[in-house]
Protein backbone atom coordinates (compact mmCIF):
# COMPACT_ATOMS: atom_id res chain seq x y z
CA MET A 1 -16.49 -14.12 -8.87
CA PHE A 2 -16.99 -10.56 -10.05
CA ILE A 3 -18.16 -11.66 -13.50
CA GLY A 4 -20.42 -14.39 -12.12
CA ILE A 5 -22.21 -12.03 -9.76
CA SER A 6 -22.46 -9.27 -12.38
CA LYS A 7 -24.01 -11.66 -14.92
CA ALA A 8 -26.61 -12.80 -12.39
CA LEU A 9 -27.83 -9.21 -11.93
CA PRO A 10 -30.07 -7.41 -14.43
CA ASP A 11 -28.34 -5.43 -17.20
CA THR A 12 -28.12 -1.70 -16.56
CA ALA A 13 -26.23 1.13 -18.23
CA TYR A 14 -24.89 2.43 -14.93
CA MET A 15 -22.60 1.03 -12.29
CA LYS A 16 -24.39 -0.72 -9.45
CA LEU A 17 -23.43 -0.54 -5.80
CA ILE A 18 -22.38 -4.18 -5.84
CA ASP A 19 -19.91 -3.37 -8.64
CA VAL A 20 -18.28 -0.71 -6.48
CA TRP A 21 -18.06 -3.16 -3.55
CA LEU A 22 -16.52 -5.94 -5.66
CA ILE A 23 -13.99 -3.68 -7.37
CA PHE A 24 -12.89 -2.22 -4.04
CA ASN A 25 -12.49 -5.69 -2.56
CA LEU A 26 -10.44 -6.76 -5.56
CA LEU A 27 -8.13 -3.77 -5.09
CA VAL A 28 -7.51 -4.36 -1.36
CA PRO A 29 -5.38 -7.54 -1.77
CA PHE A 30 -3.50 -5.95 -4.68
CA VAL A 31 -2.58 -2.92 -2.55
CA GLU A 32 -1.59 -5.19 0.35
CA VAL A 33 0.73 -7.24 -1.87
CA MET A 34 2.32 -4.06 -3.23
CA LEU A 35 2.70 -2.74 0.32
CA HIS A 36 4.40 -5.94 1.53
CA THR A 37 6.68 -5.87 -1.51
CA ALA A 38 7.71 -2.27 -0.79
CA ILE A 39 8.35 -3.07 2.88
CA ASP A 40 10.42 -6.12 1.92
CA ILE A 41 12.53 -4.16 -0.56
CA LEU A 42 13.07 -1.23 1.79
CA SER A 43 13.91 -3.42 4.80
CA SER A 44 16.27 -5.75 2.92
CA TRP A 45 18.68 -2.94 2.03
CA ASP A 46 20.68 -3.24 5.23
CA ASP A 47 24.40 -3.80 5.76
CA ASP A 48 24.44 -6.82 3.42
CA PRO A 49 23.96 -5.44 -0.09
CA GLY A 50 23.56 -8.82 -1.78
CA PRO A 51 22.74 -8.79 -5.48
CA ARG A 52 20.67 -5.58 -5.29
CA GLY A 53 23.11 -3.44 -7.24
CA ARG A 54 25.31 -0.42 -6.90
CA GLN A 55 22.91 1.77 -4.83
CA ALA A 56 22.51 -0.92 -2.19
CA LYS A 57 26.29 -1.41 -2.00
CA LYS A 58 26.77 2.32 -1.57
CA ALA A 59 24.08 2.44 1.08
CA ALA A 60 25.70 -0.47 2.90
CA ALA A 61 29.06 1.28 2.86
CA TRP A 62 27.52 4.51 4.12
CA SER A 63 25.43 2.85 6.81
CA ASN A 64 28.40 0.80 8.05
CA PRO A 65 31.40 3.11 8.65
CA ALA A 66 33.67 0.15 9.48
CA ALA A 67 33.00 -1.46 6.09
CA ALA A 68 33.60 1.87 4.34
CA ALA A 69 36.88 2.37 6.22
CA ALA A 70 38.01 -1.15 5.32
CA ARG A 71 37.50 -0.35 1.63
CA GLY A 72 39.21 3.00 2.02
CA GLU A 73 35.98 4.90 1.28
CA PRO A 74 35.02 7.68 3.65
CA PRO A 75 31.29 7.81 4.37
CA SER A 76 29.75 10.81 2.67
CA ALA A 77 26.96 13.08 3.86
CA SER A 78 24.82 12.41 0.79
CA GLY A 79 25.06 8.66 1.42
CA LYS A 80 23.92 9.09 4.99
CA LYS A 81 21.02 11.21 3.77
CA TRP A 82 20.06 8.45 1.33
CA VAL A 83 20.07 5.86 4.11
CA LEU A 84 18.05 8.11 6.39
CA ARG A 85 15.57 8.79 3.57
CA ARG A 86 15.21 5.04 2.95
CA ARG A 87 14.60 4.39 6.64
CA ARG A 88 12.02 7.19 6.76
CA MET A 89 10.28 5.74 3.70
CA LEU A 90 10.22 2.35 5.43
CA ARG A 91 8.67 3.84 8.57
CA HIS A 92 6.03 5.69 6.53
CA THR A 93 5.22 2.58 4.50
CA ILE A 94 4.81 0.46 7.62
CA MET A 95 2.67 3.17 9.24
CA PHE A 96 0.45 3.32 6.14
CA GLY A 97 0.04 -0.45 6.31
CA ARG A 98 -0.85 -0.41 10.00
CA VAL A 99 -3.02 2.71 10.12
CA GLY A 100 -3.78 4.11 6.67
CA LEU A 101 -5.00 1.01 4.85
CA PRO A 102 -7.34 -0.16 7.65
CA ALA A 103 -8.65 3.42 8.02
CA ILE A 104 -9.40 3.57 4.29
CA PHE A 105 -11.14 0.19 4.45
CA ILE A 106 -13.25 1.16 7.48
CA ALA A 107 -14.16 4.55 5.95
CA PHE A 108 -15.22 2.85 2.70
CA CYS A 109 -17.37 0.31 4.57
CA VAL A 110 -19.05 3.03 6.65
CA MET A 111 -19.75 5.19 3.58
CA PHE A 112 -20.95 2.18 1.59
CA ILE A 113 -23.38 1.09 4.32
CA ALA A 114 -24.58 4.67 4.93
CA HIS A 115 -25.20 5.19 1.21
CA GLY A 116 -27.04 1.88 0.92
CA MET A 117 -29.20 2.61 3.97
CA ASN A 118 -29.97 6.09 2.66
CA ARG A 119 -31.08 4.71 -0.70
CA ALA A 120 -33.19 2.03 0.99
CA VAL A 121 -34.94 4.61 3.20
CA ASN A 122 -35.55 6.94 0.25
CA ASP A 123 -36.91 4.09 -1.89
CA HIS A 124 -39.17 3.04 0.97
CA ARG A 125 -40.51 6.60 1.37
CA MET A 126 -41.17 6.95 -2.38
CA ASN A 127 -43.10 3.66 -2.49
CA LYS A 128 -45.55 4.74 0.26
C-alpha cells in the first residue's frame, strides 16, 4: 500500500506528509505486536515455569515458598526482588499499552492535522 500510494504521487526529493502518515501507521501495529509479546512473556512467568529455562524456575521457586521448601531451597531476597521487578515491569508495560500508546497516537494525529491545516492556510494566503 505504501509503495502504491507513493508511486501515484509526483516524484520529489523530500519526504511528503503522506509518507510520514503511512510510515507512522505501519509502525503502530508493529509496536502493538511487540507490546503484546512482552506482556505475554512477562505474565506467563508465574508459578509454573514450563520450558522457559532456569530463570523462570528460580522465579517460580522464589514466588512460591511452599515449592521452594519442598525442594529444600530457602527463598532468597534477591529472588523476591527479581519477581517484584518482573511484576513491576508487567504493570508498566500494561500501563504503556493502555495509556501511553493511545496518547502517542492521538498526539501524532493532532500534530499531523494541525501541521496540514497550517500549511493549507499559508498556501492559500500566498496564492491570493
